[in-house]
ModelCIF file with pLDDT and N, C-alpha, C, O atoms, coordinates in Angstrom:
data_MODEL
#
_entry.id   MODEL 
#
_entity.id                         1 
_entity.type                       polymer 
_entity.pdbx_number_of_molecules   1 
#
_entity_poly.entity_id                      1 
_entity_poly.type                           'polypeptide(L)' 
_entity_poly.nstd_linkage                   no 
_entity_poly.nstd_monomer                   no 
_entity_poly.pdbx_seq_one_letter_code       
;(UNK)(UNK)(UNK)(UNK)(UNK)(UNK)(UNK)(UNK)(UNK)(UNK)(UNK)(UNK)(UNK)(UNK)(UNK)(UNK)
(UNK)(UNK)(UNK)(UNK)(UNK)(UNK)(UNK)(UNK)(UNK)(UNK)(UNK)(UNK)(UNK)(UNK)(UNK)(UNK)
(UNK)(UNK)(UNK)(UNK)(UNK)
;
_entity_poly.pdbx_seq_one_letter_code_can   XXXXXXXXXXXXXXXXXXXXXXXXXXXXXXXXXXXXX 
_entity_poly.pdbx_strand_id                 A 
#
loop_
_entity_poly_seq.entity_id 
_entity_poly_seq.num 
_entity_poly_seq.mon_id 
_entity_poly_seq.hetero 
1 1  UNK n 
1 2  UNK n 
1 3  UNK n 
1 4  UNK n 
1 5  UNK n 
1 6  UNK n 
1 7  UNK n 
1 8  UNK n 
1 9  UNK n 
1 10 UNK n 
1 11 UNK n 
1 12 UNK n 
1 13 UNK n 
1 14 UNK n 
1 15 UNK n 
1 16 UNK n 
1 17 UNK n 
1 18 UNK n 
1 19 UNK n 
1 20 UNK n 
1 21 UNK n 
1 22 UNK n 
1 23 UNK n 
1 24 UNK n 
1 25 UNK n 
1 26 UNK n 
1 27 UNK n 
1 28 UNK n 
1 29 UNK n 
1 30 UNK n 
1 31 UNK n 
1 32 UNK n 
1 33 UNK n 
1 34 UNK n 
1 35 UNK n 
1 36 UNK n 
1 37 UNK n 
#
_struct_asym.id          A 
_struct_asym.entity_id   1 
#
loop_
_ma_qa_metric.id 
_ma_qa_metric.mode 
_ma_qa_metric.name 
_ma_qa_metric.software_group_id 
_ma_qa_metric.type 
1 global pLDDT . pLDDT 
2 local  pLDDT . pLDDT 
#
_ma_qa_metric_global.metric_id      1 
_ma_qa_metric_global.metric_value   96.86 
_ma_qa_metric_global.model_id       1 
_ma_qa_metric_global.ordinal_id     1 
#
loop_
_ma_qa_metric_local.label_asym_id 
_ma_qa_metric_local.label_comp_id 
_ma_qa_metric_local.label_seq_id 
_ma_qa_metric_local.metric_id 
_ma_qa_metric_local.metric_value 
_ma_qa_metric_local.model_id 
_ma_qa_metric_local.ordinal_id 
A UNK 1  2 92.00 1 1  
A UNK 2  2 94.00 1 2  
A UNK 3  2 97.00 1 3  
A UNK 4  2 98.00 1 4  
A UNK 5  2 98.00 1 5  
A UNK 6  2 97.00 1 6  
A UNK 7  2 98.00 1 7  
A UNK 8  2 98.00 1 8  
A UNK 9  2 98.00 1 9  
A UNK 10 2 98.00 1 10 
A UNK 11 2 98.00 1 11 
A UNK 12 2 98.00 1 12 
A UNK 13 2 97.00 1 13 
A UNK 14 2 97.00 1 14 
A UNK 15 2 98.00 1 15 
A UNK 16 2 98.00 1 16 
A UNK 17 2 98.00 1 17 
A UNK 18 2 98.00 1 18 
A UNK 19 2 98.00 1 19 
A UNK 20 2 98.00 1 20 
A UNK 21 2 98.00 1 21 
A UNK 22 2 98.00 1 22 
A UNK 23 2 98.00 1 23 
A UNK 24 2 98.00 1 24 
A UNK 25 2 98.00 1 25 
A UNK 26 2 97.00 1 26 
A UNK 27 2 97.00 1 27 
A UNK 28 2 97.00 1 28 
A UNK 29 2 98.00 1 29 
A UNK 30 2 98.00 1 30 
A UNK 31 2 98.00 1 31 
A UNK 32 2 97.00 1 32 
A UNK 33 2 96.00 1 33 
A UNK 34 2 94.00 1 34 
A UNK 35 2 94.00 1 35 
A UNK 36 2 93.00 1 36 
A UNK 37 2 89.00 1 37 
#
loop_
_atom_site.group_PDB 
_atom_site.id 
_atom_site.type_symbol 
_atom_site.label_atom_id 
_atom_site.label_alt_id 
_atom_site.label_comp_id 
_atom_site.label_asym_id 
_atom_site.label_entity_id 
_atom_site.label_seq_id 
_atom_site.pdbx_PDB_ins_code 
_atom_site.Cartn_x 
_atom_site.Cartn_y 
_atom_site.Cartn_z 
_atom_site.occupancy 
_atom_site.B_iso_or_equiv 
_atom_site.pdbx_formal_charge 
_atom_site.auth_seq_id 
_atom_site.auth_comp_id 
_atom_site.auth_asym_id 
_atom_site.auth_atom_id 
_atom_site.pdbx_PDB_model_num 
ATOM 1   N N  . UNK A 1 1  ? 0.792  -1.225 0.000   1.00 92.00 ? 1  UNK A N  1 
ATOM 2   C CA . UNK A 1 1  ? 0.000  0.000  0.000   1.00 92.00 ? 1  UNK A CA 1 
ATOM 3   C C  . UNK A 1 1  ? 0.821  1.269  0.000   1.00 92.00 ? 1  UNK A C  1 
ATOM 4   O O  . UNK A 1 1  ? 0.329  2.326  0.396   1.00 92.00 ? 1  UNK A O  1 
ATOM 5   N N  . UNK A 1 2  ? 2.072  1.181  -0.441  1.00 94.00 ? 2  UNK A N  1 
ATOM 6   C CA . UNK A 1 2  ? 2.954  2.345  -0.420  1.00 94.00 ? 2  UNK A CA 1 
ATOM 7   C C  . UNK A 1 2  ? 2.965  3.059  -1.763  1.00 94.00 ? 2  UNK A C  1 
ATOM 8   O O  . UNK A 1 2  ? 2.842  2.432  -2.814  1.00 94.00 ? 2  UNK A O  1 
ATOM 9   N N  . UNK A 1 3  ? 3.114  4.378  -1.716  1.00 97.00 ? 3  UNK A N  1 
ATOM 10  C CA . UNK A 1 3  ? 3.233  5.167  -2.936  1.00 97.00 ? 3  UNK A CA 1 
ATOM 11  C C  . UNK A 1 3  ? 2.471  6.468  -2.834  1.00 97.00 ? 3  UNK A C  1 
ATOM 12  O O  . UNK A 1 3  ? 1.871  6.779  -1.804  1.00 97.00 ? 3  UNK A O  1 
ATOM 13  N N  . UNK A 1 4  ? 2.503  7.226  -3.921  1.00 98.00 ? 4  UNK A N  1 
ATOM 14  C CA . UNK A 1 4  ? 1.834  8.529  -3.987  1.00 98.00 ? 4  UNK A CA 1 
ATOM 15  C C  . UNK A 1 4  ? 0.888  8.567  -5.173  1.00 98.00 ? 4  UNK A C  1 
ATOM 16  O O  . UNK A 1 4  ? 1.184  8.030  -6.240  1.00 98.00 ? 4  UNK A O  1 
ATOM 17  N N  . UNK A 1 5  ? -0.258 9.212  -4.970  1.00 98.00 ? 5  UNK A N  1 
ATOM 18  C CA . UNK A 1 5  ? -1.273 9.340  -6.016  1.00 98.00 ? 5  UNK A CA 1 
ATOM 19  C C  . UNK A 1 5  ? -1.378 10.783 -6.477  1.00 98.00 ? 5  UNK A C  1 
ATOM 20  O O  . UNK A 1 5  ? -1.263 11.723 -5.691  1.00 98.00 ? 5  UNK A O  1 
ATOM 21  N N  . UNK A 1 6  ? -1.603 10.930 -7.785  1.00 97.00 ? 6  UNK A N  1 
ATOM 22  C CA . UNK A 1 6  ? -1.893 12.225 -8.399  1.00 97.00 ? 6  UNK A CA 1 
ATOM 23  C C  . UNK A 1 6  ? -0.908 13.316 -8.027  1.00 97.00 ? 6  UNK A C  1 
ATOM 24  O O  . UNK A 1 6  ? -1.280 14.395 -7.566  1.00 97.00 ? 6  UNK A O  1 
ATOM 25  N N  . UNK A 1 7  ? 0.373  12.998 -8.246  1.00 98.00 ? 7  UNK A N  1 
ATOM 26  C CA . UNK A 1 7  ? 1.451  13.976 -8.126  1.00 98.00 ? 7  UNK A CA 1 
ATOM 27  C C  . UNK A 1 7  ? 2.189  13.994 -9.464  1.00 98.00 ? 7  UNK A C  1 
ATOM 28  O O  . UNK A 1 7  ? 2.127  13.008 -10.198 1.00 98.00 ? 7  UNK A O  1 
ATOM 29  N N  . UNK A 1 8  ? 2.878  15.071 -9.803  1.00 98.00 ? 8  UNK A N  1 
ATOM 30  C CA . UNK A 1 8  ? 3.693  15.039 -11.022 1.00 98.00 ? 8  UNK A CA 1 
ATOM 31  C C  . UNK A 1 8  ? 4.764  13.954 -10.900 1.00 98.00 ? 8  UNK A C  1 
ATOM 32  O O  . UNK A 1 8  ? 5.407  13.817 -9.859  1.00 98.00 ? 8  UNK A O  1 
ATOM 33  N N  . UNK A 1 9  ? 4.946  13.184 -11.979 1.00 98.00 ? 9  UNK A N  1 
ATOM 34  C CA . UNK A 1 9  ? 5.986  12.157 -12.036 1.00 98.00 ? 9  UNK A CA 1 
ATOM 35  C C  . UNK A 1 9  ? 6.818  12.402 -13.284 1.00 98.00 ? 9  UNK A C  1 
ATOM 36  O O  . UNK A 1 9  ? 6.334  12.960 -14.269 1.00 98.00 ? 9  UNK A O  1 
ATOM 37  N N  . UNK A 1 10 ? 8.084  11.975 -13.231 1.00 98.00 ? 10 UNK A N  1 
ATOM 38  C CA . UNK A 1 10 ? 8.972  12.226 -14.367 1.00 98.00 ? 10 UNK A CA 1 
ATOM 39  C C  . UNK A 1 10 ? 9.735  10.965 -14.760 1.00 98.00 ? 10 UNK A C  1 
ATOM 40  O O  . UNK A 1 10 ? 10.377 10.325 -13.927 1.00 98.00 ? 10 UNK A O  1 
ATOM 41  N N  . UNK A 1 11 ? 9.654  10.626 -16.026 1.00 98.00 ? 11 UNK A N  1 
ATOM 42  C CA . UNK A 1 11 ? 10.454 9.571  -16.648 1.00 98.00 ? 11 UNK A CA 1 
ATOM 43  C C  . UNK A 1 11 ? 10.364 9.763  -18.146 1.00 98.00 ? 11 UNK A C  1 
ATOM 44  O O  . UNK A 1 11 ? 9.502  10.498 -18.628 1.00 98.00 ? 11 UNK A O  1 
ATOM 45  N N  . UNK A 1 12 ? 11.241 9.111  -18.887 1.00 98.00 ? 12 UNK A N  1 
ATOM 46  C CA . UNK A 1 12 ? 11.230 9.255  -20.344 1.00 98.00 ? 12 UNK A CA 1 
ATOM 47  C C  . UNK A 1 12 ? 11.448 10.679 -20.801 1.00 98.00 ? 12 UNK A C  1 
ATOM 48  O O  . UNK A 1 12 ? 10.978 11.074 -21.868 1.00 98.00 ? 12 UNK A O  1 
ATOM 49  N N  . UNK A 1 13 ? 12.175 11.472 -19.978 1.00 97.00 ? 13 UNK A N  1 
ATOM 50  C CA . UNK A 1 13 ? 12.512 12.861 -20.279 1.00 97.00 ? 13 UNK A CA 1 
ATOM 51  C C  . UNK A 1 13 ? 11.307 13.798 -20.271 1.00 97.00 ? 13 UNK A C  1 
ATOM 52  O O  . UNK A 1 13 ? 11.376 14.896 -20.824 1.00 97.00 ? 13 UNK A O  1 
ATOM 53  N N  . UNK A 1 14 ? 10.195 13.374 -19.647 1.00 97.00 ? 14 UNK A N  1 
ATOM 54  C CA . UNK A 1 14 ? 8.968  14.180 -19.613 1.00 97.00 ? 14 UNK A CA 1 
ATOM 55  C C  . UNK A 1 14 ? 8.374  14.136 -18.211 1.00 97.00 ? 14 UNK A C  1 
ATOM 56  O O  . UNK A 1 14 ? 8.428  13.108 -17.537 1.00 97.00 ? 14 UNK A O  1 
ATOM 57  N N  . UNK A 1 15 ? 7.808  15.258 -17.780 1.00 98.00 ? 15 UNK A N  1 
ATOM 58  C CA . UNK A 1 15 ? 7.027  15.291 -16.548 1.00 98.00 ? 15 UNK A CA 1 
ATOM 59  C C  . UNK A 1 15 ? 5.563  15.105 -16.915 1.00 98.00 ? 15 UNK A C  1 
ATOM 60  O O  . UNK A 1 15 ? 5.044  15.779 -17.805 1.00 98.00 ? 15 UNK A O  1 
ATOM 61  N N  . UNK A 1 16 ? 4.900  14.181 -16.217 1.00 98.00 ? 16 UNK A N  1 
ATOM 62  C CA . UNK A 1 16 ? 3.482  13.892 -16.417 1.00 98.00 ? 16 UNK A CA 1 
ATOM 63  C C  . UNK A 1 16 ? 2.737  14.510 -15.237 1.00 98.00 ? 16 UNK A C  1 
ATOM 64  O O  . UNK A 1 16 ? 2.966  14.134 -14.087 1.00 98.00 ? 16 UNK A O  1 
ATOM 65  N N  . UNK A 1 17 ? 1.857  15.447 -15.522 1.00 98.00 ? 17 UNK A N  1 
ATOM 66  C CA . UNK A 1 17 ? 1.122  16.147 -14.471 1.00 98.00 ? 17 UNK A CA 1 
ATOM 67  C C  . UNK A 1 17 ? -0.351 15.745 -14.542 1.00 98.00 ? 17 UNK A C  1 
ATOM 68  O O  . UNK A 1 17 ? -0.945 15.770 -15.621 1.00 98.00 ? 17 UNK A O  1 
ATOM 69  N N  . UNK A 1 18 ? -0.947 15.376 -13.407 1.00 98.00 ? 18 UNK A N  1 
ATOM 70  C CA . UNK A 1 18 ? -2.368 15.018 -13.421 1.00 98.00 ? 18 UNK A CA 1 
ATOM 71  C C  . UNK A 1 18 ? -3.202 16.124 -14.062 1.00 98.00 ? 18 UNK A C  1 
ATOM 72  O O  . UNK A 1 18 ? -3.002 17.309 -13.797 1.00 98.00 ? 18 UNK A O  1 
ATOM 73  N N  . UNK A 1 19 ? -4.140 15.709 -14.911 1.00 98.00 ? 19 UNK A N  1 
ATOM 74  C CA . UNK A 1 19 ? -5.014 16.656 -15.596 1.00 98.00 ? 19 UNK A CA 1 
ATOM 75  C C  . UNK A 1 19 ? -4.511 17.065 -16.963 1.00 98.00 ? 19 UNK A C  1 
ATOM 76  O O  . UNK A 1 19 ? -5.280 17.598 -17.763 1.00 98.00 ? 19 UNK A O  1 
ATOM 77  N N  . UNK A 1 20 ? -3.220 16.829 -17.260 1.00 98.00 ? 20 UNK A N  1 
ATOM 78  C CA . UNK A 1 20 ? -2.737 17.089 -18.610 1.00 98.00 ? 20 UNK A CA 1 
ATOM 79  C C  . UNK A 1 20 ? -3.241 15.974 -19.527 1.00 98.00 ? 20 UNK A C  1 
ATOM 80  O O  . UNK A 1 20 ? -3.951 15.073 -19.079 1.00 98.00 ? 20 UNK A O  1 
ATOM 81  N N  . UNK A 1 21 ? -2.877 16.034 -20.798 1.00 98.00 ? 21 UNK A N  1 
ATOM 82  C CA . UNK A 1 21 ? -3.389 15.101 -21.807 1.00 98.00 ? 21 UNK A CA 1 
ATOM 83  C C  . UNK A 1 21 ? -2.276 14.232 -22.344 1.00 98.00 ? 21 UNK A C  1 
ATOM 84  O O  . UNK A 1 21 ? -1.152 14.690 -22.551 1.00 98.00 ? 21 UNK A O  1 
ATOM 85  N N  . UNK A 1 22 ? -2.605 12.967 -22.566 1.00 98.00 ? 22 UNK A N  1 
ATOM 86  C CA . UNK A 1 22 ? -1.657 12.009 -23.125 1.00 98.00 ? 22 UNK A CA 1 
ATOM 87  C C  . UNK A 1 22 ? -2.263 11.394 -24.374 1.00 98.00 ? 22 UNK A C  1 
ATOM 88  O O  . UNK A 1 22 ? -3.442 11.039 -24.405 1.00 98.00 ? 22 UNK A O  1 
ATOM 89  N N  . UNK A 1 23 ? -1.431 11.273 -25.408 1.00 98.00 ? 23 UNK A N  1 
ATOM 90  C CA . UNK A 1 23 ? -1.820 10.665 -26.678 1.00 98.00 ? 23 UNK A CA 1 
ATOM 91  C C  . UNK A 1 23 ? -0.768 9.605  -26.995 1.00 98.00 ? 23 UNK A C  1 
ATOM 92  O O  . UNK A 1 23 ? 0.428  9.895  -26.961 1.00 98.00 ? 23 UNK A O  1 
ATOM 93  N N  . UNK A 1 24 ? -1.200 8.379  -27.302 1.00 98.00 ? 24 UNK A N  1 
ATOM 94  C CA . UNK A 1 24 ? -0.258 7.299  -27.548 1.00 98.00 ? 24 UNK A CA 1 
ATOM 95  C C  . UNK A 1 24 ? -0.686 6.463  -28.744 1.00 98.00 ? 24 UNK A C  1 
ATOM 96  O O  . UNK A 1 24 ? -1.875 6.232  -28.966 1.00 98.00 ? 24 UNK A O  1 
ATOM 97  N N  . UNK A 1 25 ? 0.297  6.017  -29.508 1.00 98.00 ? 25 UNK A N  1 
ATOM 98  C CA . UNK A 1 25 ? 0.071  5.089  -30.616 1.00 98.00 ? 25 UNK A CA 1 
ATOM 99  C C  . UNK A 1 25 ? 1.391  4.377  -30.902 1.00 98.00 ? 25 UNK A C  1 
ATOM 100 O O  . UNK A 1 25 ? 2.325  4.458  -30.104 1.00 98.00 ? 25 UNK A O  1 
ATOM 101 N N  . UNK A 1 26 ? 1.472  3.686  -32.024 1.00 97.00 ? 26 UNK A N  1 
ATOM 102 C CA . UNK A 1 26 ? 2.685  2.939  -32.351 1.00 97.00 ? 26 UNK A CA 1 
ATOM 103 C C  . UNK A 1 26 ? 3.907  3.828  -32.545 1.00 97.00 ? 26 UNK A C  1 
ATOM 104 O O  . UNK A 1 26 ? 5.039  3.361  -32.416 1.00 97.00 ? 26 UNK A O  1 
ATOM 105 N N  . UNK A 1 27 ? 3.689  5.098  -32.852 1.00 97.00 ? 27 UNK A N  1 
ATOM 106 C CA . UNK A 1 27 ? 4.810  6.011  -33.057 1.00 97.00 ? 27 UNK A CA 1 
ATOM 107 C C  . UNK A 1 27 ? 5.360  6.602  -31.765 1.00 97.00 ? 27 UNK A C  1 
ATOM 108 O O  . UNK A 1 27 ? 6.473  7.128  -31.756 1.00 97.00 ? 27 UNK A O  1 
ATOM 109 N N  . UNK A 1 28 ? 4.611  6.528  -30.687 1.00 97.00 ? 28 UNK A N  1 
ATOM 110 C CA . UNK A 1 28 ? 5.131  7.042  -29.440 1.00 97.00 ? 28 UNK A CA 1 
ATOM 111 C C  . UNK A 1 28 ? 4.063  7.628  -28.521 1.00 97.00 ? 28 UNK A C  1 
ATOM 112 O O  . UNK A 1 28 ? 2.868  7.374  -28.671 1.00 97.00 ? 28 UNK A O  1 
ATOM 113 N N  . UNK A 1 29 ? 4.543  8.421  -27.565 1.00 98.00 ? 29 UNK A N  1 
ATOM 114 C CA . UNK A 1 29 ? 3.674  9.031  -26.556 1.00 98.00 ? 29 UNK A CA 1 
ATOM 115 C C  . UNK A 1 29 ? 3.927  10.537 -26.555 1.00 98.00 ? 29 UNK A C  1 
ATOM 116 O O  . UNK A 1 29 ? 5.071  10.991 -26.524 1.00 98.00 ? 29 UNK A O  1 
ATOM 117 N N  . UNK A 1 30 ? 2.842  11.294 -26.589 1.00 98.00 ? 30 UNK A N  1 
ATOM 118 C CA . UNK A 1 30 ? 2.895  12.749 -26.568 1.00 98.00 ? 30 UNK A CA 1 
ATOM 119 C C  . UNK A 1 30 ? 2.100  13.221 -25.364 1.00 98.00 ? 30 UNK A C  1 
ATOM 120 O O  . UNK A 1 30 ? 1.010  12.714 -25.097 1.00 98.00 ? 30 UNK A O  1 
ATOM 121 N N  . UNK A 1 31 ? 2.643  14.191 -24.634 1.00 98.00 ? 31 UNK A N  1 
ATOM 122 C CA . UNK A 1 31 ? 1.984  14.760 -23.463 1.00 98.00 ? 31 UNK A CA 1 
ATOM 123 C C  . UNK A 1 31 ? 1.786  16.258 -23.734 1.00 98.00 ? 31 UNK A C  1 
ATOM 124 O O  . UNK A 1 31 ? 2.680  16.934 -24.245 1.00 98.00 ? 31 UNK A O  1 
ATOM 125 N N  . UNK A 1 32 ? 0.600  16.757 -23.382 1.00 97.00 ? 32 UNK A N  1 
ATOM 126 C CA . UNK A 1 32 ? 0.285  18.161 -23.647 1.00 97.00 ? 32 UNK A CA 1 
ATOM 127 C C  . UNK A 1 32 ? -0.444 18.788 -22.461 1.00 97.00 ? 32 UNK A C  1 
ATOM 128 O O  . UNK A 1 32 ? -1.236 18.139 -21.777 1.00 97.00 ? 32 UNK A O  1 
ATOM 129 N N  . UNK A 1 33 ? -0.154 20.058 -22.244 1.00 96.00 ? 33 UNK A N  1 
ATOM 130 C CA . UNK A 1 33 ? -0.842 20.786 -21.177 1.00 96.00 ? 33 UNK A CA 1 
ATOM 131 C C  . UNK A 1 33 ? -2.234 21.237 -21.628 1.00 96.00 ? 33 UNK A C  1 
ATOM 132 O O  . UNK A 1 33 ? -3.030 21.692 -20.806 1.00 96.00 ? 33 UNK A O  1 
ATOM 133 N N  . UNK A 1 34 ? -2.533 21.117 -22.919 1.00 94.00 ? 34 UNK A N  1 
ATOM 134 C CA . UNK A 1 34 ? -3.853 21.478 -23.467 1.00 94.00 ? 34 UNK A CA 1 
ATOM 135 C C  . UNK A 1 34 ? -4.328 20.349 -24.379 1.00 94.00 ? 34 UNK A C  1 
ATOM 136 O O  . UNK A 1 34 ? -3.501 19.644 -24.957 1.00 94.00 ? 34 UNK A O  1 
ATOM 137 N N  . UNK A 1 35 ? -5.647 20.161 -24.522 1.00 94.00 ? 35 UNK A N  1 
ATOM 138 C CA . UNK A 1 35 ? -6.132 19.144 -25.476 1.00 94.00 ? 35 UNK A CA 1 
ATOM 139 C C  . UNK A 1 35 ? -5.675 19.493 -26.890 1.00 94.00 ? 35 UNK A C  1 
ATOM 140 O O  . UNK A 1 35 ? -5.652 20.664 -27.268 1.00 94.00 ? 35 UNK A O  1 
ATOM 141 N N  . UNK A 1 36 ? -5.314 18.478 -27.666 1.00 93.00 ? 36 UNK A N  1 
ATOM 142 C CA . UNK A 1 36 ? -4.818 18.676 -29.030 1.00 93.00 ? 36 UNK A CA 1 
ATOM 143 C C  . UNK A 1 36 ? -5.808 18.174 -30.067 1.00 93.00 ? 36 UNK A C  1 
ATOM 144 O O  . UNK A 1 36 ? -6.594 17.262 -29.808 1.00 93.00 ? 36 UNK A O  1 
ATOM 145 N N  . UNK A 1 37 ? -5.758 18.787 -31.254 1.00 89.00 ? 37 UNK A N  1 
ATOM 146 C CA . UNK A 1 37 ? -6.501 18.252 -32.402 1.00 89.00 ? 37 UNK A CA 1 
ATOM 147 C C  . UNK A 1 37 ? -5.628 18.456 -33.629 1.00 89.00 ? 37 UNK A C  1 
ATOM 148 O O  . UNK A 1 37 ? -6.023 18.089 -34.736 1.00 89.00 ? 37 UNK A O  1 
#
């Protein structure tokens, strides 16, 4: 039961912040502070 929930985490040279947007497919993973189209 150890760990932290909904905090910014960093790996893969990117910080992932709760509430931001993630897009993933065979080409990779993209993270954005705003929804993308």
